[in-house]
Amino acid sequence: MIRAKNIHKFYGTLEVLKGVDITIKAGEVVSIVGESGAGKSTLLQILGTLDNPSDPDKYGTDIALDGNSFLKMKDRELSKFRNKNIGFVFQNHQLLPEFTALENVLLPSRIGGISEKEVLEKAHSLFEDLNIASRLHHKPSQLSGGESQRVAVARALINSPKIIYADEPTGNLDSKNADALHQLFFDLRDKYHQTFVIVTHNSVLAESTDRKLVMKDGQIVL
């Protein structure tokens, strides 16, 4: 699903990523762990097209999602590619406060030009799967932290992306809600054949994934 080679990232003279290679298979749930500053979130941002590697021509860097290399795409093409193929779940759910849970979930499909009629059935199904069907018309201020994060997961899934990147998705949740969200990732993988790459400091989640990758000093060491 993802194949990337020789990713470097500099911020000024600081080299945050030092030639990272990574391969993720379709249907895998993969965790990336390591100390703060190891480069985990930077790697996730680059794999998710939200940031660019440094000097890809110089280093022979390439990143392909499902066989489609995207580093040379123009901004508009890249935005469409991201909207269609990639979902994101962040530590802070990043729901828009003025919209209901359902409206937040439908945003990626609206941006992608998909008619609401086409995706409403899937949205309702996702809310059922995530046990938040009673929260469809609640605004973020009316949701608990666990409910908000489940809405964010539904939003990530609404366009049926090929891969979902999650950056510390349980970082702001208590242990009960964190454990429930862990299980949901596997349930969603089984139902939707979804691929997940999860940056986490949660050792329970990391050990339960199909593969655990360890980063240190800008490299994958295990």
Protein backbone atom coordinates (compact mmCIF):
# COMPACT_ATOMS: atom_id res chain seq x y z
CA MET A 1 0.00 0.00 0.00
CA ILE A 2 2.80 2.41 0.91
CA ARG A 3 6.36 2.15 -0.36
CA ALA A 4 8.80 4.93 0.48
CA LYS A 5 12.56 5.13 0.13
CA ASN A 6 15.26 7.43 1.41
CA ILE A 7 13.13 10.12 3.07
CA HIS A 8 15.20 12.99 4.44
CA LYS A 9 13.87 16.04 6.23
CA PHE A 10 15.84 19.08 7.35
CA TYR A 11 14.66 22.06 9.39
CA GLY A 12 17.51 24.45 8.81
CA THR A 13 20.64 22.46 9.68
CA LEU A 14 18.72 19.99 11.87
CA GLU A 15 18.19 16.67 10.08
CA VAL A 16 14.97 15.19 11.49
CA LEU A 17 14.67 12.24 9.10
CA LYS A 18 17.85 10.51 7.93
CA GLY A 19 17.04 8.35 4.95
CA VAL A 20 13.91 6.51 6.08
CA ASP A 21 12.64 3.52 4.09
CA ILE A 22 9.21 2.10 4.89
CA THR A 23 6.77 -0.37 3.36
CA ILE A 24 3.20 -0.89 4.56
CA LYS A 25 1.04 -3.70 3.20
CA ALA A 26 -2.68 -3.33 2.45
CA GLY A 27 -4.83 -4.26 5.44
CA GLU A 28 -2.04 -3.88 8.00
CA VAL A 29 -2.36 -2.04 11.29
CA VAL A 30 1.16 -0.72 11.90
CA SER A 31 2.37 1.30 14.88
CA ILE A 32 5.35 3.65 14.93
CA VAL A 33 6.94 4.24 18.33
CA GLY A 34 9.95 6.09 19.70
CA GLU A 35 10.95 8.88 22.01
CA SER A 36 9.76 12.44 21.43
CA GLY A 37 11.86 14.05 18.71
CA ALA A 38 12.60 10.75 16.96
CA GLY A 39 10.81 11.95 13.80
CA LYS A 40 7.59 9.92 14.04
CA SER A 41 5.09 12.70 13.40
CA THR A 42 7.28 14.28 10.72
CA LEU A 43 7.39 10.95 8.89
CA LEU A 44 3.60 10.59 9.16
CA GLN A 45 3.05 14.11 7.80
CA ILE A 46 5.27 13.38 4.79
CA LEU A 47 3.68 10.00 4.08
CA GLY A 48 0.30 11.72 4.33
CA THR A 49 1.25 14.46 1.81
CA LEU A 50 0.91 17.20 4.46
CA ASP A 51 4.63 18.00 4.32
CA ASN A 52 7.42 17.50 1.79
CA PRO A 53 10.71 15.65 2.16
CA SER A 54 13.90 17.67 1.70
CA ASP A 55 15.68 17.54 -1.68
CA PRO A 56 13.96 14.43 -3.08
CA ASP A 57 15.93 14.66 -6.34
CA LYS A 58 19.24 14.87 -4.49
CA TYR A 59 18.49 11.85 -2.32
CA GLY A 60 16.51 9.80 -4.83
CA THR A 61 13.47 9.95 -2.55
CA ASP A 62 10.24 8.35 -3.73
CA ILE A 63 6.91 7.76 -2.00
CA ALA A 64 4.12 5.78 -3.65
CA LEU A 65 0.62 5.01 -2.39
CA ASP A 66 -0.92 1.95 -4.02
CA GLY A 67 1.64 2.29 -6.81
CA ASN A 68 0.99 6.00 -7.39
CA SER A 69 4.04 8.20 -6.76
CA PHE A 70 2.89 11.63 -5.57
CA LEU A 71 5.98 13.75 -4.86
CA LYS A 72 5.87 15.49 -8.24
CA MET A 73 2.13 16.23 -8.17
CA LYS A 74 1.01 19.84 -8.37
CA ASP A 75 -0.92 21.30 -5.44
CA ARG A 76 -4.42 20.87 -6.88
CA GLU A 77 -3.71 17.34 -8.08
CA LEU A 78 -2.17 16.47 -4.73
CA SER A 79 -5.16 17.85 -2.81
CA LYS A 80 -7.54 15.69 -4.83
CA PHE A 81 -5.27 12.68 -4.38
CA ARG A 82 -5.15 13.23 -0.61
CA ASN A 83 -8.91 13.70 -0.29
CA LYS A 84 -9.62 10.50 -2.21
CA ASN A 85 -6.94 8.20 -0.83
CA ILE A 86 -5.90 9.31 2.67
CA GLY A 87 -7.69 9.73 5.99
CA PHE A 88 -6.26 11.40 9.11
CA VAL A 89 -6.93 11.09 12.84
CA PHE A 90 -5.03 13.51 15.09
CA GLN A 91 -4.52 13.66 18.85
CA ASN A 92 -6.83 16.66 19.01
CA HIS A 93 -9.87 15.60 17.03
CA GLN A 94 -9.94 18.93 15.13
CA LEU A 95 -13.71 18.94 14.68
CA LEU A 96 -15.19 22.24 13.55
CA PRO A 97 -17.19 23.58 16.53
CA GLU A 98 -19.94 25.23 14.49
CA PHE A 99 -20.91 21.97 12.73
CA THR A 100 -22.72 18.91 14.04
CA ALA A 101 -20.98 15.54 14.27
CA LEU A 102 -22.62 14.43 11.02
CA GLU A 103 -21.68 17.66 9.22
CA ASN A 104 -18.06 17.25 10.37
CA VAL A 105 -17.97 13.69 9.07
CA LEU A 106 -19.39 14.70 5.69
CA LEU A 107 -16.82 17.48 5.11
CA PRO A 108 -14.26 15.35 3.18
CA SER A 109 -16.96 14.07 0.82
CA ARG A 110 -18.21 17.60 0.21
CA ILE A 111 -14.69 18.77 -0.53
CA GLY A 112 -14.33 15.82 -2.91
CA GLY A 113 -17.50 16.80 -4.76
CA ILE A 114 -19.39 13.66 -3.76
CA SER A 115 -23.13 14.13 -3.45
CA GLU A 116 -24.46 13.95 0.09
CA LYS A 117 -27.04 11.38 -0.97
CA GLU A 118 -24.24 8.97 -1.95
CA VAL A 119 -22.46 9.10 1.40
CA LEU A 120 -25.27 9.57 3.93
CA GLU A 121 -25.90 5.84 4.17
CA LYS A 122 -22.23 5.17 4.82
CA ALA A 123 -22.09 7.98 7.38
CA HIS A 124 -25.01 6.49 9.30
CA SER A 125 -23.38 3.05 9.10
CA LEU A 126 -20.11 4.43 10.49
CA PHE A 127 -21.90 6.13 13.37
CA GLU A 128 -23.52 2.78 14.18
CA ASP A 129 -20.19 0.92 13.95
CA LEU A 130 -18.55 3.48 16.23
CA ASN A 131 -21.41 3.42 18.77
CA ILE A 132 -22.20 7.12 18.39
CA ALA A 133 -25.44 6.89 16.39
CA SER A 134 -27.22 8.94 19.04
CA ARG A 135 -24.75 11.80 18.55
CA LEU A 136 -25.36 12.56 14.87
CA HIS A 137 -26.74 16.03 15.46
CA HIS A 138 -24.67 17.01 18.48
CA LYS A 139 -21.97 19.67 18.17
CA PRO A 140 -18.43 19.00 19.42
CA SER A 141 -19.04 20.94 22.65
CA GLN A 142 -21.78 18.42 23.48
CA LEU A 143 -19.54 15.37 22.97
CA SER A 144 -17.15 13.64 25.34
CA GLY A 145 -13.49 13.26 24.38
CA GLY A 146 -14.03 9.64 23.37
CA GLU A 147 -17.09 10.50 21.30
CA SER A 148 -15.27 13.36 19.57
CA GLN A 149 -12.40 11.07 18.62
CA ARG A 150 -14.84 8.50 17.22
CA VAL A 151 -16.41 11.24 15.10
CA ALA A 152 -12.90 12.05 13.85
CA VAL A 153 -12.41 8.39 12.92
CA ALA A 154 -15.71 8.40 11.01
CA ARG A 155 -14.60 11.54 9.17
CA ALA A 156 -11.33 9.83 8.22
CA LEU A 157 -13.24 6.84 6.83
CA ILE A 158 -16.07 8.58 4.97
CA ASN A 159 -14.33 8.70 1.57
CA SER A 160 -13.20 5.06 1.82
CA PRO A 161 -9.51 6.02 1.74
CA LYS A 162 -6.81 3.50 0.96
CA ILE A 163 -4.93 4.33 4.17
CA ILE A 164 -5.51 6.12 7.47
CA TYR A 165 -2.72 7.88 9.37
CA ALA A 166 -3.33 8.41 13.08
CA ASP A 167 -1.03 10.63 15.15
CA GLU A 168 -1.36 9.89 18.88
CA PRO A 169 -5.10 9.19 18.47
CA THR A 170 -5.55 8.10 22.11
CA GLY A 171 -3.23 10.71 23.64
CA ASN A 172 -6.05 12.75 25.18
CA LEU A 173 -8.28 9.82 26.17
CA ASP A 174 -8.61 7.99 29.48
CA SER A 175 -7.60 4.33 29.53
CA LYS A 176 -11.15 3.02 29.04
CA ASN A 177 -11.80 5.15 25.94
CA ALA A 178 -8.28 4.50 24.65
CA ASP A 179 -8.78 0.73 24.89
CA ALA A 180 -12.14 1.01 23.12
CA LEU A 181 -10.59 3.05 20.30
CA HIS A 182 -7.75 0.51 19.95
CA GLN A 183 -10.28 -2.25 19.39
CA LEU A 184 -12.20 -0.11 16.92
CA PHE A 185 -9.15 0.18 14.67
CA PHE A 186 -9.02 -3.60 14.35
CA ASP A 187 -12.79 -3.95 13.94
CA LEU A 188 -12.74 -1.33 11.17
CA ARG A 189 -9.79 -3.03 9.49
CA ASP A 190 -11.70 -6.31 9.48
CA LYS A 191 -14.95 -4.78 8.20
CA TYR A 192 -13.59 -2.26 5.69
CA HIS A 193 -10.20 -3.90 4.92
CA GLN A 194 -8.65 -0.63 6.06
CA THR A 195 -4.93 0.05 6.41
CA PHE A 196 -3.81 2.01 9.49
CA VAL A 197 -0.45 3.59 10.38
CA ILE A 198 -0.50 4.82 13.97
CA VAL A 199 2.09 6.96 15.74
CA THR A 200 1.68 6.29 19.44
CA HIS A 201 3.28 6.39 22.86
CA ASN A 202 0.67 3.91 24.09
CA SER A 203 2.56 0.64 24.65
CA VAL A 204 -0.63 -1.45 24.81
CA LEU A 205 -1.76 -0.21 21.40
CA ALA A 206 1.72 -0.57 19.91
CA GLU A 207 2.10 -4.17 21.06
CA SER A 208 -1.33 -5.14 19.72
CA THR A 209 -0.70 -3.99 16.14
CA ASP A 210 0.35 -6.28 13.31
CA ARG A 211 3.80 -4.66 13.23
CA LYS A 212 5.61 -2.24 15.50
CA LEU A 213 8.25 0.02 13.95
CA VAL A 214 10.71 1.74 16.29
CA MET A 215 12.21 5.12 15.39
CA LYS A 216 15.31 6.65 16.94
CA ASP A 217 17.23 9.75 15.86
CA GLY A 218 15.38 10.08 12.57
CA GLN A 219 15.67 6.46 11.47
CA ILE A 220 13.66 3.26 11.74
CA VAL A 221 15.87 0.99 13.82
CA LEU A 222 13.53 -1.97 14.32
